[in-house]
PDB file of N, CA and C in Angstrom:
ATOM      1  N   ALA A   1     -21.016 -12.685   8.379  1.00  0.00           N
ATOM      2  CA  ALA A   1     -20.743 -11.246   8.442  1.00  0.00           C
ATOM      3  C   ALA A   1     -21.312 -10.572   7.204  1.00  0.00           C
ATOM      4  N   GLY A   2     -22.170  -9.606   7.394  1.00  0.00           N
ATOM      5  CA  GLY A   2     -22.746  -8.914   6.253  1.00  0.00           C
ATOM      6  C   GLY A   2     -21.731  -7.962   5.652  1.00  0.00           C
ATOM      7  N   ARG A   3     -21.649  -7.962   4.360  1.00  0.00           N
ATOM      8  CA  ARG A   3     -20.707  -7.083   3.682  1.00  0.00           C
ATOM      9  C   ARG A   3     -21.409  -5.749   3.435  1.00  0.00           C
ATOM     10  N   SER A   4     -20.771  -4.683   3.838  1.00  0.00           N
ATOM     11  CA  SER A   4     -21.449  -3.399   3.713  1.00  0.00           C
ATOM     12  C   SER A   4     -21.572  -3.017   2.239  1.00  0.00           C
ATOM     13  N   PRO A   5     -22.671  -2.334   1.883  1.00  0.00           N
ATOM     14  CA  PRO A   5     -22.822  -1.926   0.479  1.00  0.00           C
ATOM     15  C   PRO A   5     -21.697  -1.009   0.018  1.00  0.00           C
ATOM     16  N   GLN A   6     -21.133  -0.246   0.961  1.00  0.00           N
ATOM     17  CA  GLN A   6     -20.017   0.637   0.609  1.00  0.00           C
ATOM     18  C   GLN A   6     -18.820  -0.187   0.133  1.00  0.00           C
ATOM     19  N   VAL A   7     -18.495  -1.212   0.925  1.00  0.00           N
ATOM     20  CA  VAL A   7     -17.345  -2.054   0.576  1.00  0.00           C
ATOM     21  C   VAL A   7     -17.634  -2.799  -0.719  1.00  0.00           C
ATOM     22  N   LYS A   8     -18.873  -3.268  -0.856  1.00  0.00           N
ATOM     23  CA  LYS A   8     -19.224  -4.007  -2.064  1.00  0.00           C
ATOM     24  C   LYS A   8     -19.082  -3.129  -3.305  1.00  0.00           C
ATOM     25  N   ALA A   9     -19.503  -1.863  -3.183  1.00  0.00           N
ATOM     26  CA  ALA A   9     -19.368  -0.946  -4.320  1.00  0.00           C
ATOM     27  C   ALA A   9     -17.894  -0.730  -4.648  1.00  0.00           C
ATOM     28  N   PHE A  10     -17.075  -0.609  -3.619  1.00  0.00           N
ATOM     29  CA  PHE A  10     -15.640  -0.435  -3.857  1.00  0.00           C
ATOM     30  C   PHE A  10     -15.082  -1.649  -4.594  1.00  0.00           C
ATOM     31  N   VAL A  11     -15.449  -2.838  -4.101  1.00  0.00           N
ATOM     32  CA  VAL A  11     -14.912  -4.076  -4.675  1.00  0.00           C
ATOM     33  C   VAL A  11     -15.331  -4.222  -6.136  1.00  0.00           C
ATOM     34  N   THR A  12     -16.599  -3.956  -6.417  1.00  0.00           N
ATOM     35  CA  THR A  12     -17.076  -4.226  -7.771  1.00  0.00           C
ATOM     36  C   THR A  12     -16.755  -3.102  -8.741  1.00  0.00           C
ATOM     37  N   GLN A  13     -16.734  -1.864  -8.253  1.00  0.00           N
ATOM     38  CA  GLN A  13     -16.583  -0.747  -9.182  1.00  0.00           C
ATOM     39  C   GLN A  13     -15.215  -0.088  -9.133  1.00  0.00           C
ATOM     40  N   ASP A  14     -14.582  -0.084  -7.987  1.00  0.00           N
ATOM     41  CA  ASP A  14     -13.317   0.638  -7.868  1.00  0.00           C
ATOM     42  C   ASP A  14     -12.092  -0.247  -8.069  1.00  0.00           C
ATOM     43  N   ILE A  15     -12.130  -1.445  -7.538  1.00  0.00           N
ATOM     44  CA  ILE A  15     -10.934  -2.293  -7.627  1.00  0.00           C
ATOM     45  C   ILE A  15     -10.459  -2.495  -9.071  1.00  0.00           C
ATOM     46  N   PRO A  16     -11.382  -2.659 -10.044  1.00  0.00           N
ATOM     47  CA  PRO A  16     -10.873  -2.832 -11.414  1.00  0.00           C
ATOM     48  C   PRO A  16     -10.080  -1.639 -11.930  1.00  0.00           C
ATOM     49  N   LEU A  17     -10.241  -0.486 -11.294  1.00  0.00           N
ATOM     50  CA  LEU A  17      -9.520   0.706 -11.742  1.00  0.00           C
ATOM     51  C   LEU A  17      -8.121   0.788 -11.153  1.00  0.00           C
ATOM     52  N   TYR A  18      -7.858   0.014 -10.131  1.00  0.00           N
ATOM     53  CA  TYR A  18      -6.554   0.133  -9.474  1.00  0.00           C
ATOM     54  C   TYR A  18      -5.577  -0.879 -10.036  1.00  0.00           C
ATOM     55  N   HIS A  19      -4.411  -0.376 -10.371  1.00  0.00           N
ATOM     56  CA  HIS A  19      -3.341  -1.229 -10.886  1.00  0.00           C
ATOM     57  C   HIS A  19      -2.726  -2.004  -9.721  1.00  0.00           C
ATOM     58  N   ASN A  20      -2.526  -3.298  -9.929  1.00  0.00           N
ATOM     59  CA  ASN A  20      -1.888  -4.166  -8.929  1.00  0.00           C
ATOM     60  C   ASN A  20      -2.721  -4.348  -7.670  1.00  0.00           C
ATOM     61  N   LEU A  21      -4.004  -4.051  -7.733  1.00  0.00           N
ATOM     62  CA  LEU A  21      -4.857  -4.289  -6.561  1.00  0.00           C
ATOM     63  C   LEU A  21      -5.799  -5.426  -6.914  1.00  0.00           C
ATOM     64  N   GLU A  22      -5.729  -6.480  -6.142  1.00  0.00           N
ATOM     65  CA  GLU A  22      -6.573  -7.626  -6.425  1.00  0.00           C
ATOM     66  C   GLU A  22      -7.433  -7.928  -5.220  1.00  0.00           C
ATOM     67  N   MET A  23      -8.614  -8.441  -5.496  1.00  0.00           N
ATOM     68  CA  MET A  23      -9.509  -8.809  -4.405  1.00  0.00           C
ATOM     69  C   MET A  23      -9.655 -10.313  -4.403  1.00  0.00           C
ATOM     70  N   LYS A  24      -9.362 -10.901  -3.272  1.00  0.00           N
ATOM     71  CA  LYS A  24      -9.643 -12.318  -3.115  1.00  0.00           C
ATOM     72  C   LYS A  24     -10.778 -12.405  -2.111  1.00  0.00           C
ATOM     73  N   HIS A  25     -11.887 -12.916  -2.550  1.00  0.00           N
ATOM     74  CA  HIS A  25     -13.035 -12.963  -1.645  1.00  0.00           C
ATOM     75  C   HIS A  25     -13.016 -14.258  -0.851  1.00  0.00           C
ATOM     76  N   LEU A  26     -13.004 -14.120   0.455  1.00  0.00           N
ATOM     77  CA  LEU A  26     -13.089 -15.286   1.324  1.00  0.00           C
ATOM     78  C   LEU A  26     -14.511 -15.353   1.857  1.00  0.00           C
ATOM     79  N   PRO A  27     -15.250 -16.384   1.511  1.00  0.00           N
ATOM     80  CA  PRO A  27     -16.646 -16.456   1.941  1.00  0.00           C
ATOM     81  C   PRO A  27     -16.760 -16.362   3.452  1.00  0.00           C
ATOM     82  N   GLY A  28     -17.653 -15.498   3.903  1.00  0.00           N
ATOM     83  CA  GLY A  28     -17.905 -15.384   5.336  1.00  0.00           C
ATOM     84  C   GLY A  28     -16.907 -14.542   6.081  1.00  0.00           C
ATOM     85  N   ALA A  29     -15.808 -14.158   5.432  1.00  0.00           N
ATOM     86  CA  ALA A  29     -14.811 -13.351   6.138  1.00  0.00           C
ATOM     87  C   ALA A  29     -15.118 -11.876   5.935  1.00  0.00           C
ATOM     88  N   ASP A  30     -14.772 -11.072   6.925  1.00  0.00           N
ATOM     89  CA  ASP A  30     -14.900  -9.632   6.754  1.00  0.00           C
ATOM     90  C   ASP A  30     -13.896  -9.183   5.698  1.00  0.00           C
ATOM     91  N   PRO A  31     -14.277  -8.228   4.870  1.00  0.00           N
ATOM     92  CA  PRO A  31     -13.321  -7.784   3.848  1.00  0.00           C
ATOM     93  C   PRO A  31     -12.126  -7.091   4.485  1.00  0.00           C
ATOM     94  N   GLU A  32     -10.958  -7.469   4.040  1.00  0.00           N
ATOM     95  CA  GLU A  32      -9.726  -6.866   4.546  1.00  0.00           C
ATOM     96  C   GLU A  32      -8.847  -6.509   3.363  1.00  0.00           C
ATOM     97  N   LEU A  33      -8.131  -5.430   3.521  1.00  0.00           N
ATOM     98  CA  LEU A  33      -7.110  -5.085   2.550  1.00  0.00           C
ATOM     99  C   LEU A  33      -5.803  -5.660   3.088  1.00  0.00           C
ATOM    100  N   VAL A  34      -5.193  -6.567   2.337  1.00  0.00           N
ATOM    101  CA  VAL A  34      -3.948  -7.185   2.780  1.00  0.00           C
ATOM    102  C   VAL A  34      -2.833  -6.637   1.900  1.00  0.00           C
ATOM    103  N   LEU A  35      -1.883  -5.978   2.531  1.00  0.00           N
ATOM    104  CA  LEU A  35      -0.773  -5.395   1.789  1.00  0.00           C
ATOM    105  C   LEU A  35       0.360  -6.409   1.712  1.00  0.00           C
ATOM    106  N   LEU A  36       0.831  -6.645   0.485  1.00  0.00           N
ATOM    107  CA  LEU A  36       1.927  -7.591   0.288  1.00  0.00           C
ATOM    108  C   LEU A  36       3.141  -6.843  -0.240  1.00  0.00           C
ATOM    109  N   SER A  37       4.305  -7.351   0.101  1.00  0.00           N
ATOM    110  CA  SER A  37       5.522  -6.777  -0.453  1.00  0.00           C
ATOM    111  C   SER A  37       5.756  -7.378  -1.839  1.00  0.00           C
ATOM    112  N   HIS A  38       6.813  -6.937  -2.490  1.00  0.00           N
ATOM    113  CA  HIS A  38       7.182  -7.502  -3.790  1.00  0.00           C
ATOM    114  C   HIS A  38       7.375  -9.010  -3.694  1.00  0.00           C
ATOM    115  N   TRP A  39       7.742  -9.479  -2.521  1.00  0.00           N
ATOM    116  CA  TRP A  39       8.022 -10.903  -2.348  1.00  0.00           C
ATOM    117  C   TRP A  39       6.805 -11.628  -1.785  1.00  0.00           C
ATOM    118  N   TYR A  40       5.646 -10.963  -1.883  1.00  0.00           N
ATOM    119  CA  TYR A  40       4.389 -11.549  -1.427  1.00  0.00           C
ATOM    120  C   TYR A  40       4.407 -11.882   0.057  1.00  0.00           C
ATOM    121  N   GLU A  41       5.174 -11.129   0.806  1.00  0.00           N
ATOM    122  CA  GLU A  41       5.092 -11.246   2.262  1.00  0.00           C
ATOM    123  C   GLU A  41       3.988 -10.308   2.728  1.00  0.00           C
ATOM    124  N   GLU A  42       3.229 -10.787   3.675  1.00  0.00           N
ATOM    125  CA  GLU A  42       2.139  -9.953   4.171  1.00  0.00           C
ATOM    126  C   GLU A  42       2.707  -8.840   5.043  1.00  0.00           C
ATOM    127  N   LEU A  43       2.367  -7.609   4.714  1.00  0.00           N
ATOM    128  CA  LEU A  43       2.869  -6.473   5.478  1.00  0.00           C
ATOM    129  C   LEU A  43       1.844  -6.012   6.504  1.00  0.00           C
ATOM    130  N   GLU A  44       0.603  -5.991   6.087  1.00  0.00           N
ATOM    131  CA  GLU A  44      -0.396  -5.370   6.951  1.00  0.00           C
ATOM    132  C   GLU A  44      -1.774  -5.821   6.500  1.00  0.00           C
ATOM    133  N   ARG A  45      -2.703  -5.907   7.442  1.00  0.00           N
ATOM    134  CA  ARG A  45      -4.099  -6.188   7.096  1.00  0.00           C
ATOM    135  C   ARG A  45      -4.950  -5.042   7.605  1.00  0.00           C
ATOM    136  N   ILE A  46      -5.789  -4.522   6.736  1.00  0.00           N
ATOM    137  CA  ILE A  46      -6.636  -3.399   7.121  1.00  0.00           C
ATOM    138  C   ILE A  46      -8.090  -3.816   6.946  1.00  0.00           C
ATOM    139  N   PRO A  47      -8.838  -3.920   8.032  1.00  0.00           N
ATOM    140  CA  PRO A  47     -10.241  -4.297   7.891  1.00  0.00           C
ATOM    141  C   PRO A  47     -11.036  -3.176   7.233  1.00  0.00           C
ATOM    142  N   LEU A  48     -11.866  -3.547   6.277  1.00  0.00           N
ATOM    143  CA  LEU A  48     -12.589  -2.534   5.514  1.00  0.00           C
ATOM    144  C   LEU A  48     -14.052  -2.416   5.912  1.00  0.00           C
ATOM    145  N   SER A  49     -14.536  -3.352   6.731  1.00  0.00           N
ATOM    146  CA  SER A  49     -15.985  -3.427   6.917  1.00  0.00           C
ATOM    147  C   SER A  49     -16.586  -2.158   7.498  1.00  0.00           C
ATOM    148  N   ASP A  50     -15.836  -1.397   8.286  1.00  0.00           N
ATOM    149  CA  ASP A  50     -16.419  -0.202   8.899  1.00  0.00           C
ATOM    150  C   ASP A  50     -16.143   1.066   8.094  1.00  0.00           C
ATOM    151  N   MET A  51     -15.492   0.928   6.946  1.00  0.00           N
ATOM    152  CA  MET A  51     -15.106   2.125   6.204  1.00  0.00           C
ATOM    153  C   MET A  51     -16.101   2.396   5.077  1.00  0.00           C
ATOM    154  N   THR A  52     -16.233   3.674   4.728  1.00  0.00           N
ATOM    155  CA  THR A  52     -17.062   4.010   3.578  1.00  0.00           C
ATOM    156  C   THR A  52     -16.240   3.811   2.309  1.00  0.00           C
ATOM    157  N   ARG A  53     -16.957   3.763   1.204  1.00  0.00           N
ATOM    158  CA  ARG A  53     -16.270   3.596  -0.083  1.00  0.00           C
ATOM    159  C   ARG A  53     -15.255   4.716  -0.299  1.00  0.00           C
ATOM    160  N   GLU A  54     -15.654   5.916   0.075  1.00  0.00           N
ATOM    161  CA  GLU A  54     -14.757   7.060  -0.096  1.00  0.00           C
ATOM    162  C   GLU A  54     -13.484   6.888   0.736  1.00  0.00           C
ATOM    163  N   GLU A  55     -13.664   6.427   1.975  1.00  0.00           N
ATOM    164  CA  GLU A  55     -12.501   6.238   2.854  1.00  0.00           C
ATOM    165  C   GLU A  55     -11.573   5.165   2.298  1.00  0.00           C
ATOM    166  N   ILE A  56     -12.166   4.108   1.762  1.00  0.00           N
ATOM    167  CA  ILE A  56     -11.318   3.038   1.226  1.00  0.00           C
ATOM    168  C   ILE A  56     -10.531   3.552   0.025  1.00  0.00           C
ATOM    169  N   ASN A  57     -11.201   4.300  -0.838  1.00  0.00           N
ATOM    170  CA  ASN A  57     -10.502   4.847  -2.002  1.00  0.00           C
ATOM    171  C   ASN A  57      -9.349   5.752  -1.585  1.00  0.00           C
ATOM    172  N   ARG A  58      -9.622   6.581  -0.578  1.00  0.00           N
ATOM    173  CA  ARG A  58      -8.574   7.496  -0.124  1.00  0.00           C
ATOM    174  C   ARG A  58      -7.402   6.697   0.454  1.00  0.00           C
ATOM    175  N   LEU A  59      -7.731   5.698   1.243  1.00  0.00           N
ATOM    176  CA  LEU A  59      -6.689   4.864   1.848  1.00  0.00           C
ATOM    177  C   LEU A  59      -5.831   4.194   0.780  1.00  0.00           C
ATOM    178  N   VAL A  60      -6.491   3.600  -0.198  1.00  0.00           N
ATOM    179  CA  VAL A  60      -5.759   2.875  -1.233  1.00  0.00           C
ATOM    180  C   VAL A  60      -4.843   3.814  -2.009  1.00  0.00           C
ATOM    181  N   GLN A  61      -5.334   5.028  -2.272  1.00  0.00           N
ATOM    182  CA  GLN A  61      -4.490   5.972  -2.998  1.00  0.00           C
ATOM    183  C   GLN A  61      -3.342   6.474  -2.133  1.00  0.00           C
ATOM    184  N   GLU A  62      -3.596   6.638  -0.834  1.00  0.00           N
ATOM    185  CA  GLU A  62      -2.506   7.052   0.056  1.00  0.00           C
ATOM    186  C   GLU A  62      -1.434   5.967   0.112  1.00  0.00           C
ATOM    187  N   LEU A  63      -1.847   4.721  -0.034  1.00  0.00           N
ATOM    188  CA  LEU A  63      -0.882   3.627  -0.011  1.00  0.00           C
ATOM    189  C   LEU A  63      -0.062   3.580  -1.295  1.00  0.00           C
ATOM    190  N   GLY A  64      -0.470   4.351  -2.286  1.00  0.00           N
ATOM    191  CA  GLY A  64       0.325   4.443  -3.507  1.00  0.00           C
ATOM    192  C   GLY A  64      -0.223   3.669  -4.681  1.00  0.00           C
ATOM    193  N   PHE A  65      -1.417   3.102  -4.556  1.00  0.00           N
ATOM    194  CA  PHE A  65      -1.988   2.410  -5.710  1.00  0.00           C
ATOM    195  C   PHE A  65      -2.395   3.430  -6.760  1.00  0.00           C
ATOM    196  N   TYR A  66      -2.200   3.069  -8.001  1.00  0.00           N
ATOM    197  CA  TYR A  66      -2.527   3.967  -9.099  1.00  0.00           C
ATOM    198  C   TYR A  66      -3.942   3.678  -9.581  1.00  0.00           C
ATOM    199  N   ARG A  67      -4.762   4.715  -9.608  1.00  0.00           N
ATOM    200  CA  ARG A  67      -6.147   4.578 -10.058  1.00  0.00           C
ATOM    201  C   ARG A  67      -6.261   5.018 -11.515  1.00  0.00           C
ATOM    202  N   LYS A  68      -6.722   4.110 -12.352  1.00  0.00           N
ATOM    203  CA  LYS A  68      -6.857   4.401 -13.774  1.00  0.00           C
ATOM    204  C   LYS A  68      -8.203   5.074 -14.035  1.00  0.00           C
ATOM    205  N   GLU A  69      -8.299   5.751 -15.165  1.00  0.00           N
ATOM    206  CA  GLU A  69      -9.561   6.382 -15.539  1.00  0.00           C
ATOM    207  C   GLU A  69     -10.610   5.320 -15.861  1.00  0.00           C
ATOM    208  N   THR A  70     -10.197   4.290 -16.570  1.00  0.00           N
ATOM    209  CA  THR A  70     -11.077   3.172 -16.894  1.00  0.00           C
ATOM    210  C   THR A  70     -10.286   1.893 -16.658  1.00  0.00           C
ATOM    211  N   PRO A  71     -10.972   0.768 -16.482  1.00  0.00           N
ATOM    212  CA  PRO A  71     -10.235  -0.470 -16.216  1.00  0.00           C
ATOM    213  C   PRO A  71      -9.214  -0.811 -17.299  1.00  0.00           C
ATOM    214  N   ASP A  72      -9.456  -0.369 -18.538  1.00  0.00           N
ATOM    215  CA  ASP A  72      -8.534  -0.721 -19.621  1.00  0.00           C
ATOM    216  C   ASP A  72      -7.511   0.359 -19.930  1.00  0.00           C
ATOM    217  N   ALA A  73      -7.546   1.435 -19.176  1.00  0.00           N
ATOM    218  CA  ALA A  73      -6.613   2.534 -19.457  1.00  0.00           C
ATOM    219  C   ALA A  73      -5.179   2.070 -19.222  1.00  0.00           C
ATOM    220  N   PRO A  74      -4.233   2.589 -20.007  1.00  0.00           N
ATOM    221  CA  PRO A  74      -2.830   2.213 -19.793  1.00  0.00           C
ATOM    222  C   PRO A  74      -2.305   2.779 -18.475  1.00  0.00           C
ATOM    223  N   VAL A  75      -1.333   2.111 -17.931  1.00  0.00           N
ATOM    224  CA  VAL A  75      -0.729   2.547 -16.672  1.00  0.00           C
ATOM    225  C   VAL A  75       0.609   3.202 -16.992  1.00  0.00           C
ATOM    226  N   PRO A  76       0.826   4.434 -16.525  1.00  0.00           N
ATOM    227  CA  PRO A  76       2.127   5.085 -16.777  1.00  0.00           C
ATOM    228  C   PRO A  76       3.276   4.231 -16.253  1.00  0.00           C
ATOM    229  N   GLU A  77       4.392   4.333 -16.933  1.00  0.00           N
ATOM    230  CA  GLU A  77       5.520   3.463 -16.606  1.00  0.00           C
ATOM    231  C   GLU A  77       5.921   3.569 -15.141  1.00  0.00           C
ATOM    232  N   GLU A  78       5.886   4.809 -14.618  1.00  0.00           N
ATOM    233  CA  GLU A  78       6.355   4.960 -13.228  1.00  0.00           C
ATOM    234  C   GLU A  78       5.413   4.303 -12.231  1.00  0.00           C
ATOM    235  N   PHE A  79       4.214   3.918 -12.687  1.00  0.00           N
ATOM    236  CA  PHE A  79       3.277   3.273 -11.769  1.00  0.00           C
ATOM    237  C   PHE A  79       3.152   1.775 -12.032  1.00  0.00           C
ATOM    238  N   GLN A  80       3.971   1.248 -12.932  1.00  0.00           N
ATOM    239  CA  GLN A  80       3.838  -0.170 -13.267  1.00  0.00           C
ATOM    240  C   GLN A  80       3.986  -1.055 -12.037  1.00  0.00           C
ATOM    241  N   PHE A  81       4.861  -0.647 -11.127  1.00  0.00           N
ATOM    242  CA  PHE A  81       5.105  -1.471  -9.943  1.00  0.00           C
ATOM    243  C   PHE A  81       4.446  -0.887  -8.706  1.00  0.00           C
ATOM    244  N   ALA A  82       3.621   0.154  -8.883  1.00  0.00           N
ATOM    245  CA  ALA A  82       2.946   0.732  -7.731  1.00  0.00           C
ATOM    246  C   ALA A  82       2.084  -0.355  -7.101  1.00  0.00           C
ATOM    247  N   PRO A  83       1.943  -0.330  -5.777  1.00  0.00           N
ATOM    248  CA  PRO A  83       2.378   0.713  -4.866  1.00  0.00           C
ATOM    249  C   PRO A  83       3.797   0.554  -4.354  1.00  0.00           C
ATOM    250  N   ALA A  84       4.524  -0.482  -4.806  1.00  0.00           N
ATOM    251  CA  ALA A  84       5.901  -0.610  -4.341  1.00  0.00           C
ATOM    252  C   ALA A  84       6.685   0.539  -4.945  1.00  0.00           C
ATOM    253  N   LYS A  85       7.075   1.471  -4.125  1.00  0.00           N
ATOM    254  CA  LYS A  85       7.750   2.648  -4.654  1.00  0.00           C
ATOM    255  C   LYS A  85       9.198   2.279  -4.966  1.00  0.00           C
ATOM    256  N   LEU A  86       9.603   2.562  -6.181  1.00  0.00           N
ATOM    257  CA  LEU A  86      10.971   2.255  -6.557  1.00  0.00           C
ATOM    258  C   LEU A  86      11.907   3.234  -5.866  1.00  0.00           C
ATOM    259  N   LEU A  87      13.076   2.737  -5.500  1.00  0.00           N
ATOM    260  CA  LEU A  87      14.007   3.586  -4.758  1.00  0.00           C
ATOM    261  C   LEU A  87      14.399   4.808  -5.563  1.00  0.00           C
ATOM    262  N   SER A  88      14.454   4.667  -6.881  1.00  0.00           N
ATOM    263  CA  SER A  88      14.919   5.787  -7.691  1.00  0.00           C
ATOM    264  C   SER A  88      13.946   6.962  -7.654  1.00  0.00           C
ATOM    265  N   THR A  89      12.707   6.728  -7.204  1.00  0.00           N
ATOM    266  CA  THR A  89      11.757   7.835  -7.183  1.00  0.00           C
ATOM    267  C   THR A  89      11.802   8.600  -5.871  1.00  0.00           C
ATOM    268  N   LEU A  90      12.578   8.116  -4.926  1.00  0.00           N
ATOM    269  CA  LEU A  90      12.633   8.804  -3.639  1.00  0.00           C
ATOM    270  C   LEU A  90      13.482  10.059  -3.763  1.00  0.00           C
ATOM    271  N   PRO A  91      13.104  11.116  -3.059  1.00  0.00           N
ATOM    272  CA  PRO A  91      13.943  12.326  -3.104  1.00  0.00           C
ATOM    273  C   PRO A  91      15.284  12.044  -2.445  1.00  0.00           C
ATOM    274  N   PRO A  92      16.328  12.763  -2.850  1.00  0.00           N
ATOM    275  CA  PRO A  92      17.639  12.536  -2.223  1.00  0.00           C
ATOM    276  C   PRO A  92      17.562  12.894  -0.745  1.00  0.00           C
ATOM    277  N   PRO A  93      18.310  12.193   0.078  1.00  0.00           N
ATOM    278  CA  PRO A  93      18.266  12.488   1.517  1.00  0.00           C
ATOM    279  C   PRO A  93      18.758  13.903   1.783  1.00  0.00           C
ATOM    280  N   GLN A  94      18.154  14.538   2.768  1.00  0.00           N
ATOM    281  CA  GLN A  94      18.571  15.894   3.110  1.00  0.00           C
ATOM    282  C   GLN A  94      19.981  15.848   3.707  1.00  0.00           C
ATOM    283  N   ALA A  95      20.779  16.820   3.340  1.00  0.00           N
ATOM    284  CA  ALA A  95      22.108  16.895   3.930  1.00  0.00           C
ATOM    285  C   ALA A  95      21.959  17.292   5.398  1.00  0.00           C
ATOM    286  N   PRO A  96      22.625  16.561   6.275  1.00  0.00           N
ATOM    287  CA  PRO A  96      22.486  16.908   7.694  1.00  0.00           C
ATOM    288  C   PRO A  96      23.089  18.270   7.978  1.00  0.00           C
ATOM    289  N   THR A  97      22.437  19.033   8.845  1.00  0.00           N
ATOM    290  CA  THR A  97      22.941  20.370   9.143  1.00  0.00           C
ATOM    291  C   THR A  97      23.998  20.323  10.237  1.00  0.00           C
ATOM    292  N   THR A  98      24.045  19.227  10.981  1.00  0.00           N
ATOM    293  CA  THR A  98      25.039  19.135  12.056  1.00  0.00           C
ATOM    294  C   THR A  98      26.382  18.711  11.483  1.00  0.00           C
ATOM    295  N   ASP A  99      27.408  18.809  12.313  1.00  0.00           N
ATOM    296  CA  ASP A  99      28.749  18.458  11.849  1.00  0.00           C
ATOM    297  C   ASP A  99      28.900  16.952  11.672  1.00  0.00           C
ATOM    298  N   SER A 100      28.223  16.184  12.532  1.00  0.00           N
ATOM    299  CA  SER A 100      28.396  14.736  12.445  1.00  0.00           C
ATOM    300  C   SER A 100      27.630  14.230  11.225  1.00  0.00           C
ATOM    301  N   GLN A 101      28.338  13.624  10.300  1.00  0.00           N
ATOM    302  CA  GLN A 101      27.713  13.197   9.055  1.00  0.00           C
ATOM    303  C   GLN A 101      26.902  11.921   9.242  1.00  0.00           C
ATOM    304  N   THR A 102      27.341  11.072  10.135  1.00  0.00           N
ATOM    305  CA  THR A 102      26.620   9.812  10.311  1.00  0.00           C
ATOM    306  C   THR A 102      26.175   9.689  11.751  1.00  0.00           C
ATOM    307  N   PRO A 103      24.962   9.212  11.967  1.00  0.00           N
ATOM    308  CA  PRO A 103      24.529   8.971  13.346  1.00  0.00           C
ATOM    309  C   PRO A 103      25.350   7.849  13.942  1.00  0.00           C
ATOM    310  N   PRO A 104      25.533   7.845  15.267  1.00  0.00           N
ATOM    311  CA  PRO A 104      26.338   6.771  15.865  1.00  0.00           C
ATOM    312  C   PRO A 104      25.677   5.431  15.591  1.00  0.00           C
ATOM    313  N   LYS A 105      26.470   4.492  15.120  1.00  0.00           N
ATOM    314  CA  LYS A 105      25.929   3.155  14.839  1.00  0.00           C
ATOM    315  C   LYS A 105      26.587   2.174  15.791  1.00  0.00           C
ATOM    316  N   HIS A 106      25.828   1.182  16.206  1.00  0.00           N
ATOM    317  CA  HIS A 106      26.423   0.118  17.006  1.00  0.00           C
ATOM    318  C   HIS A 106      27.158  -0.831  16.073  1.00  0.00           C
ATOM    319  N   GLU A 107      28.291  -1.328  16.549  1.00  0.00           N
ATOM    320  CA  GLU A 107      29.007  -2.296  15.739  1.00  0.00           C
ATOM    321  C   GLU A 107      28.141  -3.538  15.602  1.00  0.00           C
ATOM    322  N   LYS A 108      28.368  -4.270  14.512  1.00  0.00           N
ATOM    323  CA  LYS A 108      27.501  -5.411  14.246  1.00  0.00           C
ATOM    324  C   LYS A 108      27.567  -6.462  15.338  1.00  0.00           C
ATOM    325  N   GLY A 109      28.717  -6.548  16.001  1.00  0.00           N
ATOM    326  CA  GLY A 109      28.854  -7.594  17.014  1.00  0.00           C
ATOM    327  C   GLY A 109      28.086  -7.289  18.289  1.00  0.00           C
ATOM    328  N   GLU A 110      27.726  -6.040  18.498  1.00  0.00           N
ATOM    329  CA  GLU A 110      27.088  -5.664  19.760  1.00  0.00           C
ATOM    330  C   GLU A 110      25.586  -5.890  19.721  1.00  0.00           C
ATOM    331  N   HIS A 111      25.065  -6.256  20.862  1.00  0.00           N
ATOM    332  CA  HIS A 111      23.599  -6.365  20.992  1.00  0.00           C
ATOM    333  C   HIS A 111      23.208  -5.677  22.279  1.00  0.00           C
ATOM    334  N   PRO A 112      23.195  -4.359  22.293  1.00  0.00           N
ATOM    335  CA  PRO A 112      22.954  -3.655  23.562  1.00  0.00           C
ATOM    336  C   PRO A 112      21.563  -3.940  24.117  1.00  0.00           C
ATOM    337  N   GLU A 113      20.624  -4.352  23.227  1.00  0.00           N
ATOM    338  CA  GLU A 113      19.274  -4.527  23.750  1.00  0.00           C
ATOM    339  C   GLU A 113      19.073  -5.882  24.420  1.00  0.00           C
ATOM    340  N   LEU A 114      20.046  -6.776  24.258  1.00  0.00           N
ATOM    341  CA  LEU A 114      19.865  -8.102  24.862  1.00  0.00           C
ATOM    342  C   LEU A 114      20.168  -8.051  26.351  1.00  0.00           C
TER     343      LEU A 114
END
């Protein structure tokens, strides 16, 4: 599989700028972005071969990776664990406007879908 010059440029020039983004090159495999959780569980695989460098950069930033100005630039504290968003950075949940404060929940013993 030929590696597109766009992807190659991203890998060689852009990846060093992203905090917590690593490239593992598998010979002969199409380039894929593999998203891992904090526990290194695979969340998602995104094939990159058909994307332009610009699209890949946009995608990676939308996923929450922090892009540094230079490979050696310091990473702000709030981005140390990016893209895993810390719970404390999430906005508080909106107060429900309806009277019912909690949505109906099934009791743990029930399995209505079975």
